[in-house]
PDB file of N, CA and C in Angstrom:
ATOM      1  N   UNK A   1      -7.061   4.737  -1.899  1.00  0.00           N
ATOM      2  CA  UNK A   1      -8.240   3.943  -1.662  1.00  0.00           C
ATOM      3  C   UNK A   1      -9.301   4.248  -2.709  1.00  0.00           C
ATOM      4  N   UNK A   2      -9.440   5.512  -3.058  1.00  0.00           N
ATOM      5  CA  UNK A   2     -10.454   5.878  -4.044  1.00  0.00           C
ATOM      6  C   UNK A   2     -10.132   5.235  -5.393  1.00  0.00           C
ATOM      7  N   UNK A   3      -8.855   5.167  -5.743  1.00  0.00           N
ATOM      8  CA  UNK A   3      -8.469   4.508  -6.997  1.00  0.00           C
ATOM      9  C   UNK A   3      -8.888   3.050  -6.951  1.00  0.00           C
ATOM     10  N   UNK A   4      -8.606   2.369  -5.870  1.00  0.00           N
ATOM     11  CA  UNK A   4      -8.975   0.958  -5.739  1.00  0.00           C
ATOM     12  C   UNK A   4     -10.492   0.778  -5.797  1.00  0.00           C
ATOM     13  N   UNK A   5     -11.234   1.699  -5.208  1.00  0.00           N
ATOM     14  CA  UNK A   5     -12.700   1.635  -5.265  1.00  0.00           C
ATOM     15  C   UNK A   5     -13.175   1.826  -6.709  1.00  0.00           C
ATOM     16  N   UNK A   6     -12.581   2.786  -7.414  1.00  0.00           N
ATOM     17  CA  UNK A   6     -12.992   3.068  -8.785  1.00  0.00           C
ATOM     18  C   UNK A   6     -12.721   1.905  -9.740  1.00  0.00           C
ATOM     19  N   UNK A   7     -11.635   1.180  -9.517  1.00  0.00           N
ATOM     20  CA  UNK A   7     -11.325   0.048 -10.400  1.00  0.00           C
ATOM     21  C   UNK A   7     -11.891  -1.264  -9.866  1.00  0.00           C
ATOM     22  N   UNK A   8     -12.771  -1.147  -8.875  1.00  0.00           N
ATOM     23  CA  UNK A   8     -13.506  -2.295  -8.325  1.00  0.00           C
ATOM     24  C   UNK A   8     -12.615  -3.326  -7.630  1.00  0.00           C
ATOM     25  N   UNK A   9     -11.497  -2.869  -7.068  1.00  0.00           N
ATOM     26  CA  UNK A   9     -10.636  -3.755  -6.287  1.00  0.00           C
ATOM     27  C   UNK A   9     -10.897  -3.607  -4.796  1.00  0.00           C
ATOM     28  N   UNK A  10     -11.750  -2.659  -4.444  1.00  0.00           N
ATOM     29  CA  UNK A  10     -12.112  -2.422  -3.055  1.00  0.00           C
ATOM     30  C   UNK A  10     -13.557  -1.942  -3.040  1.00  0.00           C
ATOM     31  N   UNK A  11     -14.336  -2.521  -2.173  1.00  0.00           N
ATOM     32  CA  UNK A  11     -15.734  -2.123  -2.046  1.00  0.00           C
ATOM     33  C   UNK A  11     -15.905  -1.398  -0.718  1.00  0.00           C
ATOM     34  N   UNK A  12     -16.086  -0.080  -0.781  1.00  0.00           N
ATOM     35  CA  UNK A  12     -16.225   0.719   0.434  1.00  0.00           C
ATOM     36  C   UNK A  12     -16.740   2.101   0.068  1.00  0.00           C
ATOM     37  N   UNK A  13     -17.296   2.781   1.051  1.00  0.00           N
ATOM     38  CA  UNK A  13     -17.674   4.177   0.894  1.00  0.00           C
ATOM     39  C   UNK A  13     -16.443   5.015   1.255  1.00  0.00           C
ATOM     40  N   UNK A  14     -15.922   5.820   0.324  1.00  0.00           N
ATOM     41  CA  UNK A  14     -14.679   6.557   0.593  1.00  0.00           C
ATOM     42  C   UNK A  14     -14.738   7.443   1.841  1.00  0.00           C
ATOM     43  N   UNK A  15     -15.834   8.168   2.023  1.00  0.00           N
ATOM     44  CA  UNK A  15     -15.947   9.044   3.188  1.00  0.00           C
ATOM     45  C   UNK A  15     -15.969   8.277   4.488  1.00  0.00           C
ATOM     46  N   UNK A  16     -16.718   7.190   4.494  1.00  0.00           N
ATOM     47  CA  UNK A  16     -16.801   6.351   5.701  1.00  0.00           C
ATOM     48  C   UNK A  16     -15.446   5.710   6.003  1.00  0.00           C
ATOM     49  N   UNK A  17     -14.779   5.238   4.971  1.00  0.00           N
ATOM     50  CA  UNK A  17     -13.462   4.624   5.142  1.00  0.00           C
ATOM     51  C   UNK A  17     -12.455   5.635   5.680  1.00  0.00           C
ATOM     52  N   UNK A  18     -12.474   6.850   5.134  1.00  0.00           N
ATOM     53  CA  UNK A  18     -11.558   7.898   5.608  1.00  0.00           C
ATOM     54  C   UNK A  18     -11.811   8.218   7.072  1.00  0.00           C
ATOM     55  N   UNK A  19     -13.080   8.289   7.453  1.00  0.00           N
ATOM     56  CA  UNK A  19     -13.411   8.579   8.851  1.00  0.00           C
ATOM     57  C   UNK A  19     -12.913   7.477   9.772  1.00  0.00           C
ATOM     58  N   UNK A  20     -13.076   6.231   9.351  1.00  0.00           N
ATOM     59  CA  UNK A  20     -12.621   5.114  10.182  1.00  0.00           C
ATOM     60  C   UNK A  20     -11.100   5.109  10.311  1.00  0.00           C
ATOM     61  N   UNK A  21     -10.409   5.440   9.238  1.00  0.00           N
ATOM     62  CA  UNK A  21      -8.942   5.495   9.299  1.00  0.00           C
ATOM     63  C   UNK A  21      -8.505   6.601  10.254  1.00  0.00           C
ATOM     64  N   UNK A  22      -9.133   7.754  10.160  1.00  0.00           N
ATOM     65  CA  UNK A  22      -8.821   8.861  11.064  1.00  0.00           C
ATOM     66  C   UNK A  22      -9.072   8.464  12.515  1.00  0.00           C
ATOM     67  N   UNK A  23     -10.216   7.827  12.756  1.00  0.00           N
ATOM     68  CA  UNK A  23     -10.571   7.398  14.113  1.00  0.00           C
ATOM     69  C   UNK A  23      -9.628   6.326  14.656  1.00  0.00           C
ATOM     70  N   UNK A  24      -8.991   5.569  13.776  1.00  0.00           N
ATOM     71  CA  UNK A  24      -8.133   4.464  14.204  1.00  0.00           C
ATOM     72  C   UNK A  24      -6.803   4.931  14.784  1.00  0.00           C
ATOM     73  N   UNK A  25      -6.438   6.180  14.496  1.00  0.00           N
ATOM     74  CA  UNK A  25      -5.173   6.689  15.000  1.00  0.00           C
ATOM     75  C   UNK A  25      -4.020   6.565  14.014  1.00  0.00           C
ATOM     76  N   UNK A  26      -4.276   6.000  12.838  1.00  0.00           N
ATOM     77  CA  UNK A  26      -3.223   5.929  11.825  1.00  0.00           C
ATOM     78  C   UNK A  26      -2.829   7.332  11.400  1.00  0.00           C
ATOM     79  N   UNK A  27      -1.564   7.503  11.041  1.00  0.00           N
ATOM     80  CA  UNK A  27      -1.081   8.785  10.548  1.00  0.00           C
ATOM     81  C   UNK A  27      -0.896   8.703   9.041  1.00  0.00           C
ATOM     82  N   UNK A  28      -1.236   9.794   8.356  1.00  0.00           N
ATOM     83  CA  UNK A  28      -1.025   9.849   6.914  1.00  0.00           C
ATOM     84  C   UNK A  28       0.464   9.931   6.622  1.00  0.00           C
ATOM     85  N   UNK A  29       0.852   9.311   5.518  1.00  0.00           N
ATOM     86  CA  UNK A  29       2.244   9.348   5.085  1.00  0.00           C
ATOM     87  C   UNK A  29       2.285   9.953   3.684  1.00  0.00           C
ATOM     88  N   UNK A  30       2.672  11.223   3.583  1.00  0.00           N
ATOM     89  CA  UNK A  30       2.729  11.848   2.264  1.00  0.00           C
ATOM     90  C   UNK A  30       3.786  11.186   1.390  1.00  0.00           C
ATOM     91  N   UNK A  31       3.600  11.259   0.090  1.00  0.00           N
ATOM     92  CA  UNK A  31       4.589  10.746  -0.854  1.00  0.00           C
ATOM     93  C   UNK A  31       5.681  11.816  -1.000  1.00  0.00           C
ATOM     94  N   UNK A  32       6.923  11.409  -0.754  1.00  0.00           N
ATOM     95  CA  UNK A  32       8.050  12.347  -0.815  1.00  0.00           C
ATOM     96  C   UNK A  32       8.945  12.035  -2.016  1.00  0.00           C
ATOM     97  N   UNK A  33       9.871  12.918  -2.266  1.00  0.00           N
ATOM     98  CA  UNK A  33      10.852  12.694  -3.330  1.00  0.00           C
ATOM     99  C   UNK A  33      11.646  11.415  -3.046  1.00  0.00           C
ATOM    100  N   UNK A  34      12.015  11.196  -1.794  1.00  0.00           N
ATOM    101  CA  UNK A  34      12.765   9.979  -1.436  1.00  0.00           C
ATOM    102  C   UNK A  34      11.959   8.732  -1.775  1.00  0.00           C
ATOM    103  N   UNK A  35      10.638   8.781  -1.581  1.00  0.00           N
ATOM    104  CA  UNK A  35       9.790   7.633  -1.913  1.00  0.00           C
ATOM    105  C   UNK A  35       9.795   7.388  -3.418  1.00  0.00           C
ATOM    106  N   UNK A  36       9.670   8.442  -4.198  1.00  0.00           N
ATOM    107  CA  UNK A  36       9.641   8.248  -5.651  1.00  0.00           C
ATOM    108  C   UNK A  36      10.990   7.771  -6.178  1.00  0.00           C
ATOM    109  N   UNK A  37      12.076   8.249  -5.599  1.00  0.00           N
ATOM    110  CA  UNK A  37      13.398   7.778  -6.021  1.00  0.00           C
ATOM    111  C   UNK A  37      13.600   6.309  -5.675  1.00  0.00           C
ATOM    112  N   UNK A  38      13.005   5.856  -4.594  1.00  0.00           N
ATOM    113  CA  UNK A  38      13.122   4.455  -4.186  1.00  0.00           C
ATOM    114  C   UNK A  38      12.453   3.516  -5.190  1.00  0.00           C
ATOM    115  N   UNK A  39      11.524   4.035  -5.982  1.00  0.00           N
ATOM    116  CA  UNK A  39      10.872   3.209  -7.012  1.00  0.00           C
ATOM    117  C   UNK A  39      11.894   2.634  -7.987  1.00  0.00           C
ATOM    118  N   UNK A  40      12.944   3.385  -8.239  1.00  0.00           N
ATOM    119  CA  UNK A  40      13.985   2.947  -9.186  1.00  0.00           C
ATOM    120  C   UNK A  40      14.728   1.716  -8.682  1.00  0.00           C
ATOM    121  N   UNK A  41      14.735   1.505  -7.386  1.00  0.00           N
ATOM    122  CA  UNK A  41      15.449   0.373  -6.791  1.00  0.00           C
ATOM    123  C   UNK A  41      14.566  -0.857  -6.609  1.00  0.00           C
ATOM    124  N   UNK A  42      13.264  -0.716  -6.865  1.00  0.00           N
ATOM    125  CA  UNK A  42      12.352  -1.847  -6.714  1.00  0.00           C
ATOM    126  C   UNK A  42      12.350  -2.715  -7.967  1.00  0.00           C
ATOM    127  N   UNK A  43      12.530  -4.019  -7.812  1.00  0.00           N
ATOM    128  CA  UNK A  43      12.397  -4.887  -8.985  1.00  0.00           C
ATOM    129  C   UNK A  43      10.948  -4.876  -9.473  1.00  0.00           C
ATOM    130  N   UNK A  44      10.747  -5.171 -10.745  1.00  0.00           N
ATOM    131  CA  UNK A  44       9.410  -5.122 -11.339  1.00  0.00           C
ATOM    132  C   UNK A  44       8.650  -6.431 -11.165  1.00  0.00           C
ATOM    133  N   UNK A  45       8.586  -6.924  -9.935  1.00  0.00           N
ATOM    134  CA  UNK A  45       7.780  -8.123  -9.663  1.00  0.00           C
ATOM    135  C   UNK A  45       6.301  -7.812  -9.850  1.00  0.00           C
ATOM    136  N   UNK A  46       5.947  -6.568  -9.614  1.00  0.00           N
ATOM    137  CA  UNK A  46       4.548  -6.137  -9.623  1.00  0.00           C
ATOM    138  C   UNK A  46       4.507  -4.786 -10.327  1.00  0.00           C
ATOM    139  N   UNK A  47       3.594  -4.597 -11.257  1.00  0.00           N
ATOM    140  CA  UNK A  47       3.609  -3.373 -12.065  1.00  0.00           C
ATOM    141  C   UNK A  47       2.567  -2.328 -11.677  1.00  0.00           C
ATOM    142  N   UNK A  48       1.742  -2.615 -10.697  1.00  0.00           N
ATOM    143  CA  UNK A  48       0.721  -1.646 -10.287  1.00  0.00           C
ATOM    144  C   UNK A  48       1.412  -0.446  -9.637  1.00  0.00           C
ATOM    145  N   UNK A  49       1.305   0.756 -10.222  1.00  0.00           N
ATOM    146  CA  UNK A  49       2.027   1.915  -9.684  1.00  0.00           C
ATOM    147  C   UNK A  49       1.594   2.302  -8.271  1.00  0.00           C
ATOM    148  N   UNK A  50       0.335   2.107  -7.954  1.00  0.00           N
ATOM    149  CA  UNK A  50      -0.164   2.408  -6.614  1.00  0.00           C
ATOM    150  C   UNK A  50       0.517   1.504  -5.584  1.00  0.00           C
ATOM    151  N   UNK A  51       0.553   0.209  -5.863  1.00  0.00           N
ATOM    152  CA  UNK A  51       1.193  -0.732  -4.942  1.00  0.00           C
ATOM    153  C   UNK A  51       2.691  -0.487  -4.850  1.00  0.00           C
ATOM    154  N   UNK A  52       3.299  -0.122  -5.960  1.00  0.00           N
ATOM    155  CA  UNK A  52       4.751   0.116  -5.965  1.00  0.00           C
ATOM    156  C   UNK A  52       5.133   1.329  -5.109  1.00  0.00           C
ATOM    157  N   UNK A  53       4.311   2.386  -5.123  1.00  0.00           N
ATOM    158  CA  UNK A  53       4.646   3.537  -4.287  1.00  0.00           C
ATOM    159  C   UNK A  53       4.482   3.183  -2.811  1.00  0.00           C
ATOM    160  N   UNK A  54       3.497   2.339  -2.491  1.00  0.00           N
ATOM    161  CA  UNK A  54       3.355   1.882  -1.102  1.00  0.00           C
ATOM    162  C   UNK A  54       4.582   1.066  -0.681  1.00  0.00           C
ATOM    163  N   UNK A  55       5.067   0.223  -1.569  1.00  0.00           N
ATOM    164  CA  UNK A  55       6.273  -0.562  -1.276  1.00  0.00           C
ATOM    165  C   UNK A  55       7.487   0.345  -1.082  1.00  0.00           C
ATOM    166  N   UNK A  56       7.618   1.334  -1.955  1.00  0.00           N
ATOM    167  CA  UNK A  56       8.746   2.263  -1.846  1.00  0.00           C
ATOM    168  C   UNK A  56       8.683   3.018  -0.522  1.00  0.00           C
ATOM    169  N   UNK A  57       7.492   3.460  -0.128  1.00  0.00           N
ATOM    170  CA  UNK A  57       7.346   4.146   1.155  1.00  0.00           C
ATOM    171  C   UNK A  57       7.740   3.221   2.306  1.00  0.00           C
ATOM    172  N   UNK A  58       7.302   1.982   2.236  1.00  0.00           N
ATOM    173  CA  UNK A  58       7.637   1.030   3.299  1.00  0.00           C
ATOM    174  C   UNK A  58       9.148   0.856   3.415  1.00  0.00           C
ATOM    175  N   UNK A  59       9.831   0.750   2.284  1.00  0.00           N
ATOM    176  CA  UNK A  59      11.295   0.609   2.303  1.00  0.00           C
ATOM    177  C   UNK A  59      11.957   1.839   2.919  1.00  0.00           C
ATOM    178  N   UNK A  60      11.602   3.009   2.426  1.00  0.00           N
ATOM    179  CA  UNK A  60      12.254   4.244   2.881  1.00  0.00           C
ATOM    180  C   UNK A  60      11.977   4.511   4.362  1.00  0.00           C
ATOM    181  N   UNK A  61      10.760   4.266   4.789  1.00  0.00           N
ATOM    182  CA  UNK A  61      10.356   4.588   6.164  1.00  0.00           C
ATOM    183  C   UNK A  61      10.580   3.441   7.146  1.00  0.00           C
ATOM    184  N   UNK A  62      11.132   2.330   6.652  1.00  0.00           N
ATOM    185  CA  UNK A  62      11.371   1.142   7.487  1.00  0.00           C
ATOM    186  C   UNK A  62      10.074   0.667   8.140  1.00  0.00           C
ATOM    187  N   UNK A  63       9.053   0.523   7.290  1.00  0.00           N
ATOM    188  CA  UNK A  63       7.741   0.065   7.717  1.00  0.00           C
ATOM    189  C   UNK A  63       7.440  -1.278   7.069  1.00  0.00           C
ATOM    190  N   UNK A  64       6.374  -1.905   7.489  1.00  0.00           N
ATOM    191  CA  UNK A  64       5.915  -3.143   6.866  1.00  0.00           C
ATOM    192  C   UNK A  64       4.573  -2.858   6.199  1.00  0.00           C
ATOM    193  N   UNK A  65       4.448  -3.277   4.948  1.00  0.00           N
ATOM    194  CA  UNK A  65       3.209  -3.129   4.202  1.00  0.00           C
ATOM    195  C   UNK A  65       2.375  -4.387   4.386  1.00  0.00           C
ATOM    196  N   UNK A  66       1.163  -4.228   4.918  1.00  0.00           N
ATOM    197  CA  UNK A  66       0.244  -5.343   5.080  1.00  0.00           C
ATOM    198  C   UNK A  66      -0.698  -5.352   3.887  1.00  0.00           C
ATOM    199  N   UNK A  67      -0.869  -6.519   3.257  1.00  0.00           N
ATOM    200  CA  UNK A  67      -1.670  -6.600   2.041  1.00  0.00           C
ATOM    201  C   UNK A  67      -2.318  -7.967   1.891  1.00  0.00           C
ATOM    202  N   UNK A  68      -3.376  -8.018   1.092  1.00  0.00           N
ATOM    203  CA  UNK A  68      -3.995  -9.281   0.691  1.00  0.00           C
ATOM    204  C   UNK A  68      -3.412  -9.750  -0.639  1.00  0.00           C
ATOM    205  N   UNK A  69      -2.646  -8.904  -1.314  1.00  0.00           N
ATOM    206  CA  UNK A  69      -2.169  -9.155  -2.671  1.00  0.00           C
ATOM    207  C   UNK A  69      -0.962 -10.105  -2.679  1.00  0.00           C
ATOM    208  N   UNK A  70      -1.214 -11.349  -3.056  1.00  0.00           N
ATOM    209  CA  UNK A  70      -0.130 -12.358  -3.108  1.00  0.00           C
ATOM    210  C   UNK A  70       0.948 -11.970  -4.120  1.00  0.00           C
ATOM    211  N   UNK A  71       0.601 -11.122  -5.085  1.00  0.00           N
ATOM    212  CA  UNK A  71       1.576 -10.685  -6.085  1.00  0.00           C
ATOM    213  C   UNK A  71       2.694  -9.845  -5.511  1.00  0.00           C
ATOM    214  N   UNK A  72       2.537  -9.372  -4.294  1.00  0.00           N
ATOM    215  CA  UNK A  72       3.576  -8.560  -3.654  1.00  0.00           C
ATOM    216  C   UNK A  72       4.524  -9.393  -2.807  1.00  0.00           C
ATOM    217  N   UNK A  73       4.237 -10.651  -2.645  1.00  0.00           N
ATOM    218  CA  UNK A  73       5.063 -11.535  -1.805  1.00  0.00           C
ATOM    219  C   UNK A  73       6.544 -11.566  -2.212  1.00  0.00           C
ATOM    220  N   UNK A  74       6.877 -11.503  -3.519  1.00  0.00           N
ATOM    221  CA  UNK A  74       8.293 -11.531  -3.895  1.00  0.00           C
ATOM    222  C   UNK A  74       9.133 -10.373  -3.341  1.00  0.00           C
ATOM    223  N   UNK A  75       8.494  -9.349  -2.810  1.00  0.00           N
ATOM    224  CA  UNK A  75       9.249  -8.221  -2.269  1.00  0.00           C
ATOM    225  C   UNK A  75       9.807  -8.492  -0.885  1.00  0.00           C
ATOM    226  N   UNK A  76       9.530  -9.653  -0.346  1.00  0.00           N
ATOM    227  CA  UNK A  76      10.169 -10.079   0.891  1.00  0.00           C
ATOM    228  C   UNK A  76       9.562  -9.504   2.152  1.00  0.00           C
ATOM    229  N   UNK A  77      10.374  -9.401   3.205  1.00  0.00           N
ATOM    230  CA  UNK A  77       9.865  -9.086   4.534  1.00  0.00           C
ATOM    231  C   UNK A  77       9.242  -7.700   4.674  1.00  0.00           C
ATOM    232  N   UNK A  78       9.531  -6.768   3.769  1.00  0.00           N
ATOM    233  CA  UNK A  78       8.903  -5.449   3.854  1.00  0.00           C
ATOM    234  C   UNK A  78       7.405  -5.551   3.576  1.00  0.00           C
ATOM    235  N   UNK A  79       7.009  -6.638   2.931  1.00  0.00           N
ATOM    236  CA  UNK A  79       5.615  -6.835   2.557  1.00  0.00           C
ATOM    237  C   UNK A  79       5.087  -8.095   3.220  1.00  0.00           C
ATOM    238  N   UNK A  80       4.083  -7.944   4.058  1.00  0.00           N
ATOM    239  CA  UNK A  80       3.488  -9.093   4.736  1.00  0.00           C
ATOM    240  C   UNK A  80       2.109  -9.340   4.149  1.00  0.00           C
ATOM    241  N   UNK A  81       1.962 -10.500   3.499  1.00  0.00           N
ATOM    242  CA  UNK A  81       0.684 -10.880   2.921  1.00  0.00           C
ATOM    243  C   UNK A  81      -0.146 -11.533   4.027  1.00  0.00           C
ATOM    244  N   UNK A  82      -1.334 -10.983   4.240  1.00  0.00           N
ATOM    245  CA  UNK A  82      -2.219 -11.504   5.282  1.00  0.00           C
ATOM    246  C   UNK A  82      -3.398 -12.225   4.628  1.00  0.00           C
ATOM    247  N   UNK A  83      -3.906 -13.219   5.296  1.00  0.00           N
ATOM    248  CA  UNK A  83      -5.033 -14.001   4.776  1.00  0.00           C
ATOM    249  C   UNK A  83      -6.307 -13.181   4.939  1.00  0.00           C
ATOM    250  N   UNK A  84      -7.178 -13.310   3.965  1.00  0.00           N
ATOM    251  CA  UNK A  84      -8.466 -12.625   4.018  1.00  0.00           C
ATOM    252  C   UNK A  84      -9.340 -13.264   5.082  1.00  0.00           C
ATOM    253  N   UNK A  85      -9.969 -12.432   5.906  1.00  0.00           N
ATOM    254  CA  UNK A  85     -10.858 -12.938   6.946  1.00  0.00           C
ATOM    255  C   UNK A  85     -12.147 -13.460   6.327  1.00  0.00           C
ATOM    256  N   UNK A  86     -12.684 -14.526   6.874  1.00  0.00           N
ATOM    257  CA  UNK A  86     -13.949 -15.068   6.369  1.00  0.00           C
ATOM    258  C   UNK A  86     -15.126 -14.433   7.053  1.00  0.00           C
TER     259      UNK A  86
END
């Protein structure tokens, strides 16, 4: 999240965002060797390394990645593109 904030792709206070995530009940998912190895199996539809590691984690952990990024749509059902709220 801090990377996205720094490159101006997300507007938020990092500390406040972290507190809200903690309060929401979400669990942190550390990056493992299995996640990094899964990167080799991902097609290069999208080149952002941050997004690619999230995709790899979703594949390995059998999770769904929710995103606003339409560029991730080619990765199929593991990635669900959601519409931005107005």
